[in-house]
Amino acid sequence: MKRKEFLQTGLRLGILTGIVGGSIFLVRRNQIDYSCTAEGACKSCSLYRRCDLDQAKETRANER
């Protein structure tokens, strides 16, 4: 394998690794733990805006 081919292959694999790693990071970042740790105090919870639990949905609906 020539040096140019080696560098091109390495660059392609590096880009592919970055894309896959970035995708995994973005997917895992948006996952929510569906066990409530705020003990019913939705407004003080850090996940309040993204939470899909019924209690959080009701609280957000009552704000409007």
C-alpha atoms as a PDB file:
ATOM      1  CA  MET A   1       0.000   0.000   0.000  1.00  0.00           C
ATOM      2  CA  LYS A   2       1.329   3.382  -0.917  1.00  0.00           C
ATOM      3  CA  ARG A   3       1.650   6.218   1.530  1.00  0.00           C
ATOM      4  CA  LYS A   4      -1.122   8.259  -0.124  1.00  0.00           C
ATOM      5  CA  GLU A   5      -3.557   5.331   0.014  1.00  0.00           C
ATOM      6  CA  PHE A   6      -2.629   4.697   3.637  1.00  0.00           C
ATOM      7  CA  LEU A   7      -3.350   8.307   4.604  1.00  0.00           C
ATOM      8  CA  GLN A   8      -6.633   8.372   2.666  1.00  0.00           C
ATOM      9  CA  THR A   9      -7.794   5.146   4.319  1.00  0.00           C
ATOM     10  CA  GLY A  10      -6.787   6.431   7.736  1.00  0.00           C
ATOM     11  CA  LEU A  11      -8.615   9.698   7.173  1.00  0.00           C
ATOM     12  CA  ARG A  12     -11.758   7.908   5.986  1.00  0.00           C
ATOM     13  CA  LEU A  13     -11.735   5.614   8.994  1.00  0.00           C
ATOM     14  CA  GLY A  14     -11.172   8.594  11.295  1.00  0.00           C
ATOM     15  CA  ILE A  15     -14.141  10.439   9.805  1.00  0.00           C
ATOM     16  CA  LEU A  16     -16.306   7.323  10.037  1.00  0.00           C
ATOM     17  CA  THR A  17     -15.312   6.855  13.672  1.00  0.00           C
ATOM     18  CA  GLY A  18     -16.168  10.492  14.390  1.00  0.00           C
ATOM     19  CA  ILE A  19     -19.578  10.215  12.760  1.00  0.00           C
ATOM     20  CA  VAL A  20     -20.458   6.992  14.581  1.00  0.00           C
ATOM     21  CA  GLY A  21     -19.121   8.288  17.900  1.00  0.00           C
ATOM     22  CA  GLY A  22     -20.944  11.593  17.524  1.00  0.00           C
ATOM     23  CA  SER A  23     -24.188   9.836  16.672  1.00  0.00           C
ATOM     24  CA  ILE A  24     -23.919   7.582  19.704  1.00  0.00           C
ATOM     25  CA  PHE A  25     -23.181  10.599  21.909  1.00  0.00           C
ATOM     26  CA  LEU A  26     -26.215  12.511  20.604  1.00  0.00           C
ATOM     27  CA  VAL A  27     -28.550   9.545  21.030  1.00  0.00           C
ATOM     28  CA  ARG A  28     -27.359   8.774  24.559  1.00  0.00           C
ATOM     29  CA  ARG A  29     -27.457  12.444  25.581  1.00  0.00           C
ATOM     30  CA  ASN A  30     -31.161  12.683  24.796  1.00  0.00           C
ATOM     31  CA  GLN A  31     -32.154   9.572  26.718  1.00  0.00           C
ATOM     32  CA  ILE A  32     -34.115  10.249  29.859  1.00  0.00           C
ATOM     33  CA  ASP A  33     -34.165   8.101  32.943  1.00  0.00           C
ATOM     34  CA  TYR A  34     -37.869   7.530  33.476  1.00  0.00           C
ATOM     35  CA  SER A  35     -37.580   7.108  37.217  1.00  0.00           C
ATOM     36  CA  CYS A  36     -38.492  10.314  38.984  1.00  0.00           C
ATOM     37  CA  THR A  37     -35.811  11.526  41.373  1.00  0.00           C
ATOM     38  CA  ALA A  38     -37.417  14.863  42.209  1.00  0.00           C
ATOM     39  CA  GLU A  39     -39.982  13.224  44.515  1.00  0.00           C
ATOM     40  CA  GLY A  40     -42.886  14.926  42.772  1.00  0.00           C
ATOM     41  CA  ALA A  41     -41.332  18.410  42.582  1.00  0.00           C
ATOM     42  CA  CYS A  42     -41.343  18.665  38.803  1.00  0.00           C
ATOM     43  CA  LYS A  43     -40.500  22.356  38.497  1.00  0.00           C
ATOM     44  CA  SER A  44     -37.257  21.937  40.425  1.00  0.00           C
ATOM     45  CA  CYS A  45     -36.149  18.920  38.360  1.00  0.00           C
ATOM     46  CA  SER A  46     -33.354  19.449  35.842  1.00  0.00           C
ATOM     47  CA  LEU A  47     -35.136  17.204  33.309  1.00  0.00           C
ATOM     48  CA  TYR A  48     -38.494  18.972  33.646  1.00  0.00           C
ATOM     49  CA  ARG A  49     -38.733  20.304  30.075  1.00  0.00           C
ATOM     50  CA  ARG A  50     -37.781  16.974  28.471  1.00  0.00           C
ATOM     51  CA  CYS A  51     -39.564  14.589  30.853  1.00  0.00           C
ATOM     52  CA  ASP A  52     -42.241  12.316  29.394  1.00  0.00           C
ATOM     53  CA  LEU A  53     -43.793  11.177  32.662  1.00  0.00           C
ATOM     54  CA  ASP A  54     -47.505  11.932  33.046  1.00  0.00           C
ATOM     55  CA  GLN A  55     -46.983  14.069  36.150  1.00  0.00           C
ATOM     56  CA  ALA A  56     -44.541  16.361  34.342  1.00  0.00           C
ATOM     57  CA  LYS A  57     -46.861  16.624  31.341  1.00  0.00           C
ATOM     58  CA  GLU A  58     -49.738  17.645  33.624  1.00  0.00           C
ATOM     59  CA  THR A  59     -47.596  20.221  35.382  1.00  0.00           C
ATOM     60  CA  ARG A  60     -46.489  21.745  32.072  1.00  0.00           C
ATOM     61  CA  ALA A  61     -50.088  21.806  30.822  1.00  0.00           C
ATOM     62  CA  ASN A  62     -51.218  23.602  33.987  1.00  0.00           C
ATOM     63  CA  GLU A  63     -48.574  26.299  33.478  1.00  0.00           C
ATOM     64  CA  ARG A  64     -50.171  27.424  30.235  1.00  0.00           C
END
